[in-house]
């Protein structure tokens, strides 16, 4: 295992870290720093907090967020297929049709179960 194989990746990581650190230091040194009472307040919206910051969220919020991530991730799998559509042939096409069918059936199931309703 030669080091010259991984040298470009290591160099990229080191240069990226150095650029990020340099920009952070430059922003801290050059940027204005004039704190006042309003800027240091925990809420800058014009009124005091009226509830506890650790209040419980409705479980439907988490359910919709998880469903969004799930279906968004599954849709992201279609991009490589679309780019290689000419090379995958008829088998690849029918595989994508089955994949989309399962995706639509899952979406319809979640819709019928009321997971996407905000009542």
N, C-alpha and C. Protein backbone atom coordinates (compact mmCIF):
# COMPACT_ATOMS: atom_id res chain seq x y z
N UNK A 1 0.85 -1.17 0.00
CA UNK A 1 0.00 0.00 0.00
C UNK A 1 0.90 1.24 0.00
N UNK A 2 0.93 1.92 -1.11
CA UNK A 2 1.80 3.08 -1.25
C UNK A 2 1.09 4.34 -0.75
N UNK A 3 1.87 5.22 -0.13
CA UNK A 3 1.31 6.45 0.42
C UNK A 3 0.89 7.41 -0.70
N UNK A 4 1.52 7.28 -1.86
CA UNK A 4 1.19 8.21 -2.95
C UNK A 4 -0.22 7.96 -3.50
N UNK A 5 -0.82 6.83 -3.18
CA UNK A 5 -2.20 6.57 -3.59
C UNK A 5 -3.17 7.43 -2.80
N UNK A 6 -2.90 7.58 -1.52
CA UNK A 6 -3.80 8.32 -0.64
C UNK A 6 -3.35 9.75 -0.39
N UNK A 7 -2.22 10.13 -0.94
CA UNK A 7 -1.69 11.48 -0.72
C UNK A 7 -2.63 12.58 -1.21
N UNK A 8 -3.27 12.47 -2.37
CA UNK A 8 -4.20 13.54 -2.78
C UNK A 8 -5.38 13.70 -1.82
N UNK A 9 -5.89 12.60 -1.30
CA UNK A 9 -7.02 12.69 -0.36
C UNK A 9 -6.56 13.33 0.94
N UNK A 10 -5.42 12.91 1.44
CA UNK A 10 -4.88 13.49 2.67
C UNK A 10 -4.58 14.98 2.48
N UNK A 11 -4.01 15.34 1.34
CA UNK A 11 -3.73 16.74 1.05
C UNK A 11 -5.02 17.55 0.97
N UNK A 12 -6.05 16.99 0.37
CA UNK A 12 -7.35 17.67 0.28
C UNK A 12 -7.93 17.91 1.67
N UNK A 13 -7.85 16.93 2.55
CA UNK A 13 -8.37 17.08 3.91
C UNK A 13 -7.58 18.13 4.68
N UNK A 14 -6.26 18.10 4.56
CA UNK A 14 -5.42 19.06 5.29
C UNK A 14 -5.67 20.48 4.78
N UNK A 15 -5.70 20.67 3.47
CA UNK A 15 -5.93 22.00 2.91
C UNK A 15 -7.33 22.50 3.27
N UNK A 16 -8.33 21.63 3.23
CA UNK A 16 -9.68 22.03 3.62
C UNK A 16 -9.76 22.44 5.07
N UNK A 17 -9.10 21.70 5.96
CA UNK A 17 -9.10 22.05 7.37
C UNK A 17 -8.36 23.36 7.61
N UNK A 18 -7.25 23.57 6.92
CA UNK A 18 -6.51 24.82 7.07
C UNK A 18 -7.29 26.02 6.56
N UNK A 19 -7.96 25.88 5.43
CA UNK A 19 -8.78 26.98 4.90
C UNK A 19 -9.92 27.28 5.86
N UNK A 20 -10.59 26.26 6.37
CA UNK A 20 -11.67 26.48 7.32
C UNK A 20 -11.19 27.15 8.59
N UNK A 21 -10.06 26.71 9.12
CA UNK A 21 -9.50 27.32 10.32
C UNK A 21 -9.06 28.76 10.06
N UNK A 22 -8.45 29.02 8.90
CA UNK A 22 -8.03 30.38 8.56
C UNK A 22 -9.23 31.31 8.45
N UNK A 23 -10.30 30.87 7.84
CA UNK A 23 -11.49 31.71 7.72
C UNK A 23 -12.13 31.96 9.08
N UNK A 24 -12.13 30.98 9.95
CA UNK A 24 -12.68 31.16 11.29
C UNK A 24 -11.86 32.17 12.08
N UNK A 25 -10.54 32.03 12.03
CA UNK A 25 -9.66 32.96 12.75
C UNK A 25 -9.78 34.37 12.17
N UNK A 26 -9.83 34.48 10.85
CA UNK A 26 -9.96 35.80 10.23
C UNK A 26 -11.30 36.45 10.59
N UNK A 27 -12.36 35.69 10.62
CA UNK A 27 -13.66 36.23 11.01
C UNK A 27 -13.69 36.67 12.45
N UNK A 28 -13.03 35.92 13.33
CA UNK A 28 -12.98 36.29 14.73
C UNK A 28 -12.12 37.53 14.96
N UNK A 29 -11.04 37.66 14.20
CA UNK A 29 -10.11 38.78 14.40
C UNK A 29 -10.61 40.06 13.73
N UNK A 30 -11.17 39.95 12.55
CA UNK A 30 -11.55 41.13 11.76
C UNK A 30 -13.00 41.54 11.99
N UNK A 31 -13.85 40.59 12.25
CA UNK A 31 -15.28 40.88 12.36
C UNK A 31 -15.62 41.76 13.54
N UNK A 32 -16.70 42.53 13.41
CA UNK A 32 -17.10 43.40 14.52
C UNK A 32 -17.63 42.58 15.69
N UNK A 33 -17.36 43.09 16.89
CA UNK A 33 -17.81 42.41 18.10
C UNK A 33 -18.33 43.49 19.05
N UNK A 34 -19.61 43.82 18.89
CA UNK A 34 -20.24 44.84 19.74
C UNK A 34 -21.46 44.26 20.42
N UNK A 35 -21.28 43.43 21.43
CA UNK A 35 -22.44 42.84 22.10
C UNK A 35 -23.18 43.88 22.94
N UNK A 36 -24.49 43.77 22.96
CA UNK A 36 -25.31 44.58 23.85
C UNK A 36 -26.37 43.67 24.48
N UNK A 37 -27.22 44.24 25.27
CA UNK A 37 -28.19 43.43 26.02
C UNK A 37 -29.13 42.68 25.08
N UNK A 38 -29.54 43.33 24.00
CA UNK A 38 -30.47 42.69 23.07
C UNK A 38 -29.82 41.52 22.34
N UNK A 39 -28.56 41.68 21.96
CA UNK A 39 -27.88 40.60 21.24
C UNK A 39 -27.54 39.42 22.15
N UNK A 40 -27.33 39.70 23.42
CA UNK A 40 -26.99 38.63 24.36
C UNK A 40 -28.20 37.95 24.96
N UNK A 41 -29.39 38.45 24.65
CA UNK A 41 -30.62 37.84 25.17
C UNK A 41 -30.85 36.49 24.48
N UNK A 42 -31.44 35.54 25.19
CA UNK A 42 -31.66 34.22 24.57
C UNK A 42 -32.68 34.26 23.44
N UNK A 43 -33.60 35.23 23.45
CA UNK A 43 -34.60 35.33 22.40
C UNK A 43 -34.57 36.76 21.86
N UNK A 44 -34.44 36.89 20.56
CA UNK A 44 -34.38 38.21 19.94
C UNK A 44 -35.64 38.52 19.15
N UNK A 45 -36.74 37.87 19.46
CA UNK A 45 -37.95 38.06 18.67
C UNK A 45 -38.82 39.19 19.19
N UNK A 46 -38.46 39.86 20.27
CA UNK A 46 -39.22 41.00 20.73
C UNK A 46 -40.05 40.75 21.97
N UNK A 47 -40.20 39.50 22.37
CA UNK A 47 -40.94 39.22 23.60
C UNK A 47 -40.29 38.05 24.33
N UNK A 48 -40.57 37.95 25.59
CA UNK A 48 -39.98 36.89 26.40
C UNK A 48 -40.59 35.54 26.05
N UNK A 49 -39.86 34.51 26.36
CA UNK A 49 -40.36 33.15 26.13
C UNK A 49 -41.57 32.90 27.01
N UNK A 50 -42.60 32.30 26.45
CA UNK A 50 -43.82 32.05 27.20
C UNK A 50 -44.01 30.60 27.58
N UNK A 51 -43.13 29.73 27.12
CA UNK A 51 -43.19 28.32 27.48
C UNK A 51 -41.79 27.80 27.75
N UNK A 52 -41.73 26.62 28.28
CA UNK A 52 -40.44 25.99 28.53
C UNK A 52 -39.80 25.61 27.21
N UNK A 53 -38.51 25.80 27.09
CA UNK A 53 -37.79 25.46 25.87
C UNK A 53 -37.75 23.95 25.65
N UNK A 54 -37.98 23.17 26.70
CA UNK A 54 -37.93 21.72 26.58
C UNK A 54 -39.32 21.11 26.47
N UNK A 55 -40.24 21.84 25.85
CA UNK A 55 -41.59 21.31 25.71
C UNK A 55 -41.59 20.14 24.74
N UNK A 56 -42.56 19.28 24.89
CA UNK A 56 -42.64 18.09 24.06
C UNK A 56 -43.28 18.44 22.71
N UNK A 57 -42.71 17.85 21.66
CA UNK A 57 -43.27 18.00 20.33
C UNK A 57 -44.26 16.86 20.08
N UNK A 58 -45.20 17.14 19.23
CA UNK A 58 -46.15 16.10 18.84
C UNK A 58 -45.41 15.01 18.07
N UNK A 59 -45.77 13.78 18.31
CA UNK A 59 -45.08 12.66 17.68
C UNK A 59 -45.28 12.67 16.16
N UNK A 60 -46.34 13.31 15.70
CA UNK A 60 -46.56 13.37 14.25
C UNK A 60 -45.48 14.17 13.55
N UNK A 61 -44.89 15.14 14.26
CA UNK A 61 -43.78 15.90 13.67
C UNK A 61 -42.63 14.96 13.34
N UNK A 62 -42.27 14.10 14.28
CA UNK A 62 -41.18 13.16 14.06
C UNK A 62 -41.55 12.14 12.99
N UNK A 63 -42.79 11.71 12.97
CA UNK A 63 -43.22 10.74 11.97
C UNK A 63 -43.12 11.31 10.57
N UNK A 64 -43.58 12.54 10.39
CA UNK A 64 -43.50 13.16 9.07
C UNK A 64 -42.04 13.39 8.69
N UNK A 65 -41.20 13.78 9.64
CA UNK A 65 -39.78 13.99 9.35
C UNK A 65 -39.11 12.68 8.93
N UNK A 66 -39.42 11.60 9.62
CA UNK A 66 -38.83 10.31 9.26
C UNK A 66 -39.34 9.85 7.90
N UNK A 67 -40.63 10.04 7.64
CA UNK A 67 -41.17 9.65 6.33
C UNK A 67 -40.55 10.48 5.22
N UNK A 68 -40.34 11.76 5.47
CA UNK A 68 -39.71 12.60 4.45
C UNK A 68 -38.31 12.10 4.14
N UNK A 69 -37.54 11.82 5.19
CA UNK A 69 -36.18 11.34 4.96
C UNK A 69 -36.20 10.00 4.23
N UNK A 70 -37.11 9.13 4.62
CA UNK A 70 -37.20 7.81 3.99
C UNK A 70 -37.52 7.92 2.50
N UNK A 71 -38.58 8.66 2.16
CA UNK A 71 -38.97 8.75 0.76
C UNK A 71 -37.99 9.60 -0.04
N UNK A 72 -37.39 10.61 0.58
CA UNK A 72 -36.40 11.42 -0.11
C UNK A 72 -35.17 10.59 -0.43
N UNK A 73 -34.77 9.75 0.49
CA UNK A 73 -33.62 8.89 0.26
C UNK A 73 -33.90 7.87 -0.84
N UNK A 74 -35.10 7.33 -0.84
CA UNK A 74 -35.45 6.37 -1.88
C UNK A 74 -35.49 7.03 -3.25
N UNK A 75 -35.99 8.25 -3.31
CA UNK A 75 -36.00 8.97 -4.58
C UNK A 75 -34.57 9.26 -5.04
N UNK A 76 -33.66 9.49 -4.10
CA UNK A 76 -32.26 9.76 -4.45
C UNK A 76 -31.62 8.54 -5.13
N UNK A 77 -32.14 7.35 -4.88
CA UNK A 77 -31.63 6.16 -5.55
C UNK A 77 -31.99 6.14 -7.03
N UNK A 78 -32.92 6.96 -7.45
CA UNK A 78 -33.32 6.98 -8.85
C UNK A 78 -32.33 7.75 -9.73
N UNK A 79 -31.55 8.65 -9.17
CA UNK A 79 -30.63 9.46 -9.97
C UNK A 79 -29.56 8.61 -10.65
N UNK A 80 -28.90 7.69 -9.95
CA UNK A 80 -27.93 6.85 -10.67
C UNK A 80 -28.59 6.01 -11.76
N UNK A 81 -29.80 5.53 -11.49
CA UNK A 81 -30.51 4.76 -12.51
C UNK A 81 -30.82 5.62 -13.73
N UNK A 82 -31.24 6.86 -13.49
CA UNK A 82 -31.56 7.74 -14.61
C UNK A 82 -30.32 8.07 -15.43
N UNK A 83 -29.19 8.20 -14.77
CA UNK A 83 -27.96 8.53 -15.50
C UNK A 83 -27.46 7.33 -16.31
N UNK A 84 -27.74 6.13 -15.84
CA UNK A 84 -27.26 4.93 -16.54
C UNK A 84 -28.41 4.21 -17.24
N UNK A 85 -29.44 4.93 -17.61
CA UNK A 85 -30.62 4.32 -18.19
C UNK A 85 -30.30 3.60 -19.50
N UNK A 86 -29.43 4.14 -20.30
CA UNK A 86 -29.11 3.51 -21.58
C UNK A 86 -28.30 2.22 -21.39
N UNK A 87 -27.51 2.15 -20.33
CA UNK A 87 -26.65 0.99 -20.12
C UNK A 87 -27.35 -0.16 -19.39
N UNK A 88 -28.37 0.11 -18.61
CA UNK A 88 -28.97 -0.96 -17.81
C UNK A 88 -29.92 -1.84 -18.60
N UNK A 89 -30.43 -1.33 -19.68
CA UNK A 89 -31.28 -2.13 -20.54
C UNK A 89 -32.67 -2.38 -19.97
N UNK A 90 -33.33 -3.38 -20.51
CA UNK A 90 -34.70 -3.69 -20.13
C UNK A 90 -34.80 -4.24 -18.71
N UNK A 91 -33.83 -5.01 -18.28
CA UNK A 91 -33.83 -5.52 -16.90
C UNK A 91 -33.74 -4.38 -15.90
N UNK A 92 -32.90 -3.41 -16.16
CA UNK A 92 -32.78 -2.26 -15.28
C UNK A 92 -34.05 -1.43 -15.26
N UNK A 93 -34.70 -1.33 -16.42
CA UNK A 93 -35.96 -0.58 -16.48
C UNK A 93 -37.02 -1.24 -15.61
N UNK A 94 -37.18 -2.55 -15.73
CA UNK A 94 -38.22 -3.24 -14.96
C UNK A 94 -37.87 -3.29 -13.47
N UNK A 95 -36.59 -3.30 -13.15
CA UNK A 95 -36.19 -3.21 -11.76
C UNK A 95 -36.60 -1.87 -11.17
N UNK A 96 -36.41 -0.80 -11.94
CA UNK A 96 -36.82 0.53 -11.48
C UNK A 96 -38.33 0.63 -11.38
N UNK A 97 -39.05 -0.02 -12.27
CA UNK A 97 -40.52 0.00 -12.19
C UNK A 97 -40.99 -0.70 -10.91
N UNK A 98 -40.38 -1.83 -10.59
CA UNK A 98 -40.72 -2.53 -9.34
C UNK A 98 -40.37 -1.66 -8.13
N UNK A 99 -39.23 -1.03 -8.16
CA UNK A 99 -38.82 -0.13 -7.08
C UNK A 99 -39.82 1.00 -6.91
N UNK A 100 -40.21 1.63 -7.99
CA UNK A 100 -41.18 2.72 -7.92
C UNK A 100 -42.55 2.23 -7.47
N UNK A 101 -42.92 1.04 -7.86
CA UNK A 101 -44.20 0.48 -7.42
C UNK A 101 -44.21 0.28 -5.90
N UNK A 102 -43.14 -0.28 -5.38
CA UNK A 102 -43.03 -0.46 -3.92
C UNK A 102 -43.05 0.89 -3.23
N UNK A 103 -42.38 1.87 -3.80
CA UNK A 103 -42.35 3.21 -3.23
C UNK A 103 -43.74 3.84 -3.21
N UNK A 104 -44.48 3.71 -4.29
CA UNK A 104 -45.84 4.28 -4.36
C UNK A 104 -46.78 3.54 -3.42
N UNK A 105 -46.67 2.22 -3.35
CA UNK A 105 -47.52 1.46 -2.44
C UNK A 105 -47.25 1.88 -0.99
N UNK A 106 -45.98 2.07 -0.62
CA UNK A 106 -45.65 2.52 0.72
C UNK A 106 -46.18 3.91 1.00
N UNK A 107 -46.10 4.79 0.01
CA UNK A 107 -46.61 6.15 0.18
C UNK A 107 -48.13 6.15 0.34
N UNK A 108 -48.82 5.38 -0.48
CA UNK A 108 -50.28 5.30 -0.37
C UNK A 108 -50.68 4.69 0.97
N UNK A 109 -49.95 3.70 1.43
CA UNK A 109 -50.23 3.08 2.74
C UNK A 109 -50.11 4.12 3.85
N UNK A 110 -49.02 4.89 3.84
CA UNK A 110 -48.84 5.92 4.87
C UNK A 110 -49.91 7.00 4.76
N UNK A 111 -50.31 7.32 3.56
CA UNK A 111 -51.35 8.34 3.36
C UNK A 111 -52.69 7.84 3.91
N UNK A 112 -53.04 6.57 3.62
CA UNK A 112 -54.30 6.00 4.10
C UNK A 112 -54.32 5.81 5.62
N UNK A 113 -53.14 5.54 6.22
CA UNK A 113 -53.06 5.38 7.66
C UNK A 113 -53.16 6.73 8.39
N UNK A 114 -53.09 7.84 7.65
CA UNK A 114 -53.20 9.16 8.24
C UNK A 114 -51.91 9.70 8.81
N UNK A 115 -50.78 9.16 8.38
CA UNK A 115 -49.49 9.62 8.90
C UNK A 115 -49.14 11.01 8.41
N UNK A 116 -49.77 11.47 7.36
CA UNK A 116 -49.45 12.77 6.79
C UNK A 116 -50.49 13.84 7.14
N UNK A 117 -51.46 13.51 7.97
CA UNK A 117 -52.51 14.46 8.35
C UNK A 117 -52.06 15.30 9.55
N UNK A 118 -52.37 16.60 9.49
CA UNK A 118 -52.06 17.52 10.60
C UNK A 118 -53.36 18.03 11.17
N UNK A 119 -54.00 17.26 12.00
CA UNK A 119 -55.29 17.68 12.57
C UNK A 119 -55.12 18.28 13.93
